[in-house]
Amino acid sequence: MMKDEIIREVYDTLVDRKENPIDSYTSKLMQDSDKKAEDKILEKLGEEATEVILASKNNEDLVHESADLIFFTILNLVYKGIPLDDLFDELESRHK
């Protein structure tokens, strides 16, 4: 597997956990009532964004915190039913 393929692997795993719940944090998170699940996911996104900012300012754990932010961004896309290719298309359009 090429390293950049991990984004799709994570996305596909989260889709599977949404559609076929198991005993995992992310699966349970997406199975809460609609409002509660969305609030928890958005809370995590805000928390992770803040941690990225602090890590960058303090020059520590930036890679770890960035991975957390990307993970919860992908989780939010899965929860909202947004195809991963929409994200890739958007990034590609910005790259031109």
C-alpha atoms as a PDB file:
ATOM      1  CA  MET A   1       0.000   0.000   0.000  1.00  0.00           C
ATOM      2  CA  MET A   2       1.296   3.435  -0.900  1.00  0.00           C
ATOM      3  CA  LYS A   3       1.337   5.755   2.089  1.00  0.00           C
ATOM      4  CA  ASP A   4      -1.256   8.115   0.628  1.00  0.00           C
ATOM      5  CA  GLU A   5      -3.706   5.230   0.224  1.00  0.00           C
ATOM      6  CA  ILE A   6      -4.137   5.159   4.003  1.00  0.00           C
ATOM      7  CA  ILE A   7      -6.633   8.027   3.709  1.00  0.00           C
ATOM      8  CA  ARG A   8      -8.956   5.843   1.635  1.00  0.00           C
ATOM      9  CA  GLU A   9      -8.339   2.846   3.925  1.00  0.00           C
ATOM     10  CA  VAL A  10      -9.332   4.902   6.976  1.00  0.00           C
ATOM     11  CA  TYR A  11     -12.377   6.285   5.150  1.00  0.00           C
ATOM     12  CA  ASP A  12     -13.511   2.807   4.055  1.00  0.00           C
ATOM     13  CA  THR A  13     -13.037   1.426   7.577  1.00  0.00           C
ATOM     14  CA  LEU A  14     -15.130   4.235   9.053  1.00  0.00           C
ATOM     15  CA  VAL A  15     -17.878   3.701   6.453  1.00  0.00           C
ATOM     16  CA  ASP A  16     -17.944   0.035   7.412  1.00  0.00           C
ATOM     17  CA  ARG A  17     -18.128   0.908  11.110  1.00  0.00           C
ATOM     18  CA  LYS A  18     -21.017   3.281  10.425  1.00  0.00           C
ATOM     19  CA  GLU A  19     -22.924   0.708   8.369  1.00  0.00           C
ATOM     20  CA  ASN A  20     -21.939  -2.338  10.456  1.00  0.00           C
ATOM     21  CA  PRO A  21     -21.528  -1.122  14.025  1.00  0.00           C
ATOM     22  CA  ILE A  22     -18.968  -2.876  16.189  1.00  0.00           C
ATOM     23  CA  ASP A  23     -17.716  -2.282  19.705  1.00  0.00           C
ATOM     24  CA  SER A  24     -15.412   0.631  18.879  1.00  0.00           C
ATOM     25  CA  TYR A  25     -15.245   4.297  19.828  1.00  0.00           C
ATOM     26  CA  THR A  26     -15.910   5.569  16.308  1.00  0.00           C
ATOM     27  CA  SER A  27     -18.691   3.095  15.659  1.00  0.00           C
ATOM     28  CA  LYS A  28     -20.473   4.031  18.864  1.00  0.00           C
ATOM     29  CA  LEU A  29     -19.902   7.729  18.170  1.00  0.00           C
ATOM     30  CA  MET A  30     -21.685   7.522  14.814  1.00  0.00           C
ATOM     31  CA  GLN A  31     -24.544   5.446  16.227  1.00  0.00           C
ATOM     32  CA  ASP A  32     -25.660   7.967  18.833  1.00  0.00           C
ATOM     33  CA  SER A  33     -28.836   9.872  18.081  1.00  0.00           C
ATOM     34  CA  ASP A  34     -28.335  12.191  15.128  1.00  0.00           C
ATOM     35  CA  LYS A  35     -27.917  15.363  17.161  1.00  0.00           C
ATOM     36  CA  LYS A  36     -25.732  13.785  19.835  1.00  0.00           C
ATOM     37  CA  ALA A  37     -23.452  12.112  17.264  1.00  0.00           C
ATOM     38  CA  GLU A  38     -23.028  15.284  15.254  1.00  0.00           C
ATOM     39  CA  ASP A  39     -22.346  17.350  18.369  1.00  0.00           C
ATOM     40  CA  LYS A  40     -19.711  14.871  19.593  1.00  0.00           C
ATOM     41  CA  ILE A  41     -17.982  14.719  16.212  1.00  0.00           C
ATOM     42  CA  LEU A  42     -17.941  18.508  15.888  1.00  0.00           C
ATOM     43  CA  GLU A  43     -16.677  18.818  19.469  1.00  0.00           C
ATOM     44  CA  LYS A  44     -13.800  16.452  18.624  1.00  0.00           C
ATOM     45  CA  LEU A  45     -13.011  18.434  15.471  1.00  0.00           C
ATOM     46  CA  GLY A  46     -12.828  21.649  17.464  1.00  0.00           C
ATOM     47  CA  GLU A  47     -10.686  20.003  20.128  1.00  0.00           C
ATOM     48  CA  GLU A  48      -8.295  18.542  17.562  1.00  0.00           C
ATOM     49  CA  ALA A  49      -8.043  21.837  15.649  1.00  0.00           C
ATOM     50  CA  THR A  50      -7.108  23.592  18.887  1.00  0.00           C
ATOM     51  CA  GLU A  51      -4.519  20.917  19.659  1.00  0.00           C
ATOM     52  CA  VAL A  52      -2.957  21.368  16.200  1.00  0.00           C
ATOM     53  CA  ILE A  53      -2.669  25.100  16.813  1.00  0.00           C
ATOM     54  CA  LEU A  54      -1.096  24.579  20.247  1.00  0.00           C
ATOM     55  CA  ALA A  55       1.273  21.891  18.935  1.00  0.00           C
ATOM     56  CA  SER A  56       2.400  24.196  16.170  1.00  0.00           C
ATOM     57  CA  LYS A  57       2.923  27.119  18.525  1.00  0.00           C
ATOM     58  CA  ASN A  58       4.854  24.927  20.983  1.00  0.00           C
ATOM     59  CA  ASN A  59       6.797  23.015  18.300  1.00  0.00           C
ATOM     60  CA  GLU A  60       5.761  19.633  19.693  1.00  0.00           C
ATOM     61  CA  ASP A  61       3.542  16.735  18.618  1.00  0.00           C
ATOM     62  CA  LEU A  62       2.415  18.516  15.439  1.00  0.00           C
ATOM     63  CA  VAL A  63       2.398  15.316  13.384  1.00  0.00           C
ATOM     64  CA  HIS A  64       0.401  13.395  16.002  1.00  0.00           C
ATOM     65  CA  GLU A  65      -2.131  16.193  16.472  1.00  0.00           C
ATOM     66  CA  SER A  66      -2.449  16.732  12.715  1.00  0.00           C
ATOM     67  CA  ALA A  67      -3.196  13.029  12.256  1.00  0.00           C
ATOM     68  CA  ASP A  68      -5.936  13.301  14.895  1.00  0.00           C
ATOM     69  CA  LEU A  69      -7.463  16.301  13.098  1.00  0.00           C
ATOM     70  CA  ILE A  70      -7.359  14.549   9.720  1.00  0.00           C
ATOM     71  CA  PHE A  71      -8.877  11.409  11.261  1.00  0.00           C
ATOM     72  CA  PHE A  72     -11.834  13.286  12.731  1.00  0.00           C
ATOM     73  CA  THR A  73     -12.257  15.277   9.518  1.00  0.00           C
ATOM     74  CA  ILE A  74     -12.572  11.975   7.656  1.00  0.00           C
ATOM     75  CA  LEU A  75     -14.967  10.693  10.327  1.00  0.00           C
ATOM     76  CA  ASN A  76     -17.139  13.778   9.834  1.00  0.00           C
ATOM     77  CA  LEU A  77     -17.203  13.219   6.060  1.00  0.00           C
ATOM     78  CA  VAL A  78     -18.295   9.608   6.633  1.00  0.00           C
ATOM     79  CA  TYR A  79     -20.934  10.653   9.145  1.00  0.00           C
ATOM     80  CA  LYS A  80     -22.301  13.257   6.729  1.00  0.00           C
ATOM     81  CA  GLY A  81     -22.280  10.752   3.868  1.00  0.00           C
ATOM     82  CA  ILE A  82     -19.860  12.791   1.770  1.00  0.00           C
ATOM     83  CA  PRO A  83     -17.815  10.685  -0.645  1.00  0.00           C
ATOM     84  CA  LEU A  84     -14.061  10.839  -0.148  1.00  0.00           C
ATOM     85  CA  ASP A  85     -13.658  11.604  -3.850  1.00  0.00           C
ATOM     86  CA  ASP A  86     -15.465  14.931  -3.270  1.00  0.00           C
ATOM     87  CA  LEU A  87     -12.609  15.918  -0.953  1.00  0.00           C
ATOM     88  CA  PHE A  88      -9.982  14.738  -3.432  1.00  0.00           C
ATOM     89  CA  ASP A  89     -11.747  16.637  -6.249  1.00  0.00           C
ATOM     90  CA  GLU A  90     -11.792  19.802  -4.146  1.00  0.00           C
ATOM     91  CA  LEU A  91      -8.106  19.483  -3.292  1.00  0.00           C
ATOM     92  CA  GLU A  92      -7.288  18.807  -6.942  1.00  0.00           C
ATOM     93  CA  SER A  93      -9.210  21.899  -8.055  1.00  0.00           C
ATOM     94  CA  ARG A  94      -7.183  23.993  -5.627  1.00  0.00           C
ATOM     95  CA  HIS A  95      -3.920  22.513  -6.852  1.00  0.00           C
ATOM     96  CA  LYS A  96      -4.344  23.733 -10.455  1.00  0.00           C
END
